[in-house]
Protein backbone atom coordinates (compact mmCIF):
# COMPACT_ATOMS: atom_id res chain seq x y z
CA MET A 1 37.68 17.64 8.34
CA ALA A 2 34.82 16.58 10.63
CA GLU A 3 33.27 20.02 10.21
CA ASN A 4 33.38 19.68 6.41
CA LYS A 5 31.66 16.28 6.61
CA ASN A 6 28.89 17.78 8.73
CA ILE A 7 28.45 20.60 6.23
CA ASN A 8 28.22 18.07 3.36
CA LYS A 9 25.62 16.05 5.25
CA LYS A 10 23.56 19.19 5.82
CA GLU A 11 23.83 20.10 2.14
CA ASP A 12 22.68 16.60 1.13
CA LEU A 13 19.68 16.89 3.43
CA ILE A 14 18.83 20.30 2.00
CA LEU A 15 19.01 18.90 -1.55
CA PHE A 16 16.79 15.96 -0.57
CA LEU A 17 14.17 18.25 0.94
CA SER A 18 14.62 21.11 -1.49
CA ASP A 19 11.19 20.50 -3.03
CA THR A 20 9.35 20.95 0.28
CA ASP A 21 8.06 24.23 1.65
CA GLU A 22 9.58 24.94 5.05
CA ARG A 23 6.28 26.34 6.28
CA GLU A 24 4.46 23.34 4.88
CA GLY A 25 6.53 20.62 6.51
CA LEU A 26 7.24 17.11 5.30
CA LEU A 27 3.54 16.19 5.26
CA GLY A 28 1.94 19.54 4.56
CA LYS A 29 -1.21 20.05 2.55
CA LYS A 30 0.42 19.70 -0.88
CA ASN A 31 2.39 16.62 0.12
CA ARG A 32 -0.67 14.99 1.69
CA LYS A 33 -2.50 15.62 -1.57
CA LEU A 34 0.15 13.60 -3.41
CA LEU A 35 -0.62 10.67 -1.11
CA ALA A 36 -4.42 11.07 -0.97
CA ASP A 37 -5.41 11.93 -4.56
CA PRO A 38 -4.66 8.46 -6.00
CA PHE A 39 -7.20 6.99 -3.57
CA THR A 40 -10.03 9.22 -4.80
CA ASP A 41 -10.06 11.67 -7.71
CA ASN A 42 -6.95 10.38 -9.50
CA ASN A 43 -6.90 6.64 -8.88
CA PRO A 44 -4.61 4.90 -11.41
CA ILE A 45 -7.10 2.09 -12.10
CA THR A 46 -10.59 3.57 -11.73
CA VAL A 47 -9.89 7.10 -13.04
CA GLN A 48 -6.80 6.83 -15.27
CA VAL A 49 -7.75 3.26 -16.29
CA LEU A 50 -4.16 1.99 -16.09
CA GLY A 51 -2.77 -1.29 -14.77
CA ILE A 52 -5.96 -3.20 -15.59
CA CYS A 53 -4.13 -6.39 -16.67
CA SER A 54 -2.79 -7.20 -13.20
CA ALA A 55 -6.17 -6.32 -11.68
CA LEU A 56 -7.68 -9.07 -13.83
CA ALA A 57 -4.95 -11.66 -13.50
CA ILE A 58 -3.81 -11.80 -9.88
CA THR A 59 -6.91 -10.92 -7.85
CA VAL A 60 -8.35 -14.43 -7.51
CA GLN A 61 -6.81 -14.58 -4.04
CA LEU A 62 -5.99 -11.88 -1.52
CA LYS A 63 -2.43 -13.00 -0.72
CA PRO A 64 -0.89 -12.59 -4.20
CA ALA A 65 -2.75 -9.28 -4.60
CA ILE A 66 -1.16 -7.96 -1.39
CA VAL A 67 2.31 -9.16 -2.39
CA MET A 68 1.94 -7.66 -5.87
CA SER A 69 0.83 -4.38 -4.29
CA ILE A 70 3.91 -4.26 -2.05
CA ALA A 71 6.15 -5.06 -5.02
CA VAL A 72 4.66 -2.26 -7.14
CA MET A 73 4.90 0.18 -4.23
CA ALA A 74 8.61 -0.57 -3.73
CA VAL A 75 9.38 -0.26 -7.44
CA MET A 76 7.39 2.96 -7.90
CA ALA A 77 8.74 4.70 -4.81
CA PHE A 78 12.41 3.98 -5.51
CA SER A 79 12.23 4.41 -9.30
CA ASN A 80 10.59 7.82 -8.82
CA MET A 81 13.35 8.81 -6.40
CA ILE A 82 16.16 7.62 -8.67
CA ILE A 83 14.79 9.28 -11.80
CA SER A 84 14.17 12.49 -9.88
CA MET A 85 17.79 12.47 -8.66
CA LEU A 86 19.02 11.96 -12.24
CA ARG A 87 16.49 14.21 -13.99
CA ASN A 88 18.98 16.98 -14.76
CA LEU A 89 21.56 14.50 -16.06
CA ILE A 90 19.40 12.39 -18.39
CA PRO A 91 19.45 13.49 -22.05
CA SER A 92 15.90 13.90 -23.32
CA ARG A 93 16.46 11.54 -26.26
CA ILE A 94 17.25 8.53 -24.06
CA ARG A 95 15.05 9.26 -21.03
CA ILE A 96 12.67 6.35 -21.76
CA ILE A 97 15.60 3.91 -22.01
CA VAL A 98 17.03 5.15 -18.71
CA GLN A 99 13.62 4.83 -17.04
CA LEU A 100 13.26 1.26 -18.30
CA VAL A 101 16.74 0.34 -17.05
CA VAL A 102 16.01 1.73 -13.58
CA VAL A 103 12.62 0.04 -13.34
CA ALA A 104 13.98 -3.27 -14.71
CA ALA A 105 16.81 -3.30 -12.14
CA LEU A 106 14.35 -2.71 -9.28
CA VAL A 107 11.92 -5.34 -10.59
CA ILE A 108 14.71 -7.93 -10.81
CA LEU A 109 15.70 -7.10 -7.23
CA VAL A 110 12.08 -7.45 -6.02
CA ASP A 111 11.65 -10.71 -7.97
CA GLN A 112 14.78 -12.22 -6.40
CA ILE A 113 13.62 -11.21 -2.91
CA LEU A 114 10.25 -12.87 -3.53
CA ARG A 115 11.93 -16.03 -4.80
CA ALA A 116 14.09 -16.12 -1.68
CA TYR A 117 11.47 -15.35 0.97
CA ALA A 118 8.06 -16.06 -0.60
CA TYR A 119 8.67 -18.65 -3.27
CA ASP A 120 5.09 -20.02 -3.37
CA VAL A 121 3.64 -16.56 -3.94
CA SER A 122 6.36 -15.84 -6.48
CA LYS A 123 5.24 -18.90 -8.46
CA GLU A 124 1.60 -17.76 -8.27
CA LEU A 125 2.47 -14.31 -9.56
CA SER A 126 4.55 -15.90 -12.33
CA VAL A 127 5.34 -13.42 -15.11
CA PHE A 128 3.29 -10.60 -13.61
CA VAL A 129 6.13 -9.42 -11.37
CA GLY A 130 8.31 -9.05 -14.45
CA LEU A 131 5.53 -7.18 -16.23
CA ILE A 132 5.80 -4.38 -13.65
CA ILE A 133 8.53 -3.14 -15.99
CA THR A 134 5.89 -2.28 -18.59
CA ASN A 135 3.21 -1.21 -16.13
CA CYS A 136 1.70 2.02 -17.47
CA ILE A 137 1.32 3.44 -13.96
CA VAL A 138 5.04 3.12 -13.19
CA MET A 139 6.26 4.55 -16.50
CA GLY A 140 3.55 7.20 -16.52
CA ARG A 141 4.53 8.64 -13.13
CA LEU A 142 8.21 8.66 -14.06
CA GLU A 143 7.45 10.60 -17.23
CA ALA A 144 4.75 12.89 -15.85
CA PHE A 145 6.07 13.61 -12.36
CA ALA A 146 9.55 12.38 -11.41
CA LEU A 147 11.24 14.09 -14.37
CA GLY A 148 9.90 17.47 -13.29
CA ASN A 149 9.88 17.36 -9.48
CA GLY A 150 12.23 16.95 -6.54
CA VAL A 151 13.17 13.72 -4.83
CA TYR A 152 10.89 13.92 -1.81
CA LYS A 153 7.77 14.86 -3.77
CA SER A 154 8.56 12.13 -6.32
CA PHE A 155 8.88 9.60 -3.52
CA LEU A 156 5.47 10.62 -2.12
CA ASP A 157 3.94 10.52 -5.60
CA GLY A 158 5.25 6.99 -6.11
CA ILE A 159 3.93 5.83 -2.73
CA GLY A 160 0.56 7.51 -3.29
CA ASN A 161 -0.08 6.11 -6.77
CA ALA A 162 1.11 2.64 -5.78
CA ALA A 163 -1.15 2.74 -2.72
CA GLY A 164 -4.11 3.81 -4.85
CA TYR A 165 -3.38 0.94 -7.24
CA ALA A 166 -2.99 -1.45 -4.28
CA PHE A 167 -6.28 -0.35 -2.73
CA ILE A 168 -8.27 -1.36 -5.83
CA LEU A 169 -6.25 -4.54 -6.32
CA ILE A 170 -6.85 -5.69 -2.73
CA LEU A 171 -10.51 -4.65 -2.79
CA VAL A 172 -11.18 -6.69 -5.94
CA ALA A 173 -9.26 -9.68 -4.54
CA PHE A 174 -11.19 -9.44 -1.26
CA PHE A 175 -14.58 -9.83 -2.92
CA ARG A 176 -13.42 -12.40 -5.47
CA GLU A 177 -11.87 -14.75 -2.90
CA LEU A 178 -14.65 -14.23 -0.35
CA LEU A 179 -17.57 -14.75 -2.73
CA GLY A 180 -15.82 -17.21 -5.02
CA ALA A 181 -14.19 -19.53 -2.48
CA GLY A 182 -15.60 -18.51 0.89
CA LYS A 183 -12.05 -17.78 2.09
CA LEU A 184 -9.74 -14.88 2.89
CA LEU A 185 -5.97 -15.37 2.78
CA GLY A 186 -6.70 -19.06 2.31
CA MET A 187 -8.67 -19.38 5.56
CA GLU A 188 -12.35 -20.34 5.69
CA VAL A 189 -14.43 -17.35 6.81
CA ILE A 190 -17.96 -18.36 5.85
CA PRO A 191 -19.38 -20.64 8.58
CA GLN A 192 -20.29 -24.19 7.68
CA SER A 193 -23.82 -23.48 8.87
CA PHE A 194 -24.29 -21.16 5.88
CA TYR A 195 -23.41 -24.00 3.50
CA ASP A 196 -25.71 -26.36 5.41
CA ALA A 197 -28.49 -23.81 4.94
CA GLY A 198 -27.96 -23.86 1.16
CA TYR A 199 -25.32 -21.17 0.56
CA VAL A 200 -23.09 -21.93 -2.46
CA ASN A 201 -19.87 -20.20 -3.45
CA ASN A 202 -20.13 -18.22 -6.67
CA GLY A 203 -17.59 -19.90 -8.94
CA LEU A 204 -17.97 -17.11 -11.52
CA MET A 205 -16.07 -14.78 -9.19
CA LEU A 206 -12.94 -16.86 -9.80
CA LEU A 207 -13.04 -16.20 -13.55
CA SER A 208 -11.16 -13.26 -15.08
CA PRO A 209 -14.28 -11.52 -16.51
CA MET A 210 -15.61 -11.07 -12.97
CA ALA A 211 -12.51 -9.06 -12.06
CA LEU A 212 -13.35 -6.66 -14.88
CA ILE A 213 -16.98 -6.51 -13.79
CA THR A 214 -15.94 -5.86 -10.17
CA VAL A 215 -13.63 -3.03 -11.27
CA GLY A 216 -16.50 -1.68 -13.39
CA ILE A 217 -18.82 -1.66 -10.37
CA ILE A 218 -16.19 0.21 -8.32
CA ILE A 219 -15.82 2.76 -11.13
CA TRP A 220 -19.62 3.19 -11.30
CA ILE A 221 -19.87 3.73 -7.52
CA GLN A 222 -16.99 6.21 -7.57
CA ARG A 223 -18.47 8.26 -10.41
CA SER A 224 -21.96 8.22 -8.90
CA ARG A 225 -20.46 9.72 -5.71
CA ASN A 226 -18.27 12.22 -7.56
CA ARG A 227 -19.91 13.27 -10.80
CA THR A 228 -17.01 15.53 -11.79
CA LEU A 229 -15.18 12.33 -12.81
CA ILE A 230 -17.77 11.60 -15.53
CA GLU A 231 -16.30 12.39 -18.95
CA GLN A 232 -18.27 14.87 -21.02
CA ASN A 233 -18.79 13.97 -24.70
């Protein structure tokens, strides 16, 4: 009996890692690409232009941007894994409904955890945690990747795309809070001597249009460094 259990455990591990090349390893070149591409040539926000709404709405301060990033990462990683596990069982006609149910369940779980352990931040994020359910990045990766790939690769794809999304979100929040309020994570970082010398916080950075402008500047810098990302008419 014990021997059978060991065999079953080995079989489960083989199934979990079935989409990895033994010569490649868990973090081989192809798997590292899944993690790295969303930071550069395939960023969900600056290249695919997805998830812009949350980039505009919750980047006034760094703290809610970080919490939102962690929430999206958890939802994307686990929803990718679950859909990948079920991909051969889900009828094509109802796959979108199944994806929504999985994502909604994970979002509710994340929302309840935030309410229990970070209630103030949960209030700041308001409806935007719930809107992860309709986030184009989450649904897009489920449809484009998790339905056609193994569990481990889907997990890495979810982590990578969520991290790429988080990188832009946190970068925008960093500049908006720093230049708009002179703070980071709610703590004063610009010395009082600067204000005494005439420095004034730029209140425009706290307005939603400046989030869009900041994202636009990041997109411009990225495309000027990598001209292959420029769309040809």
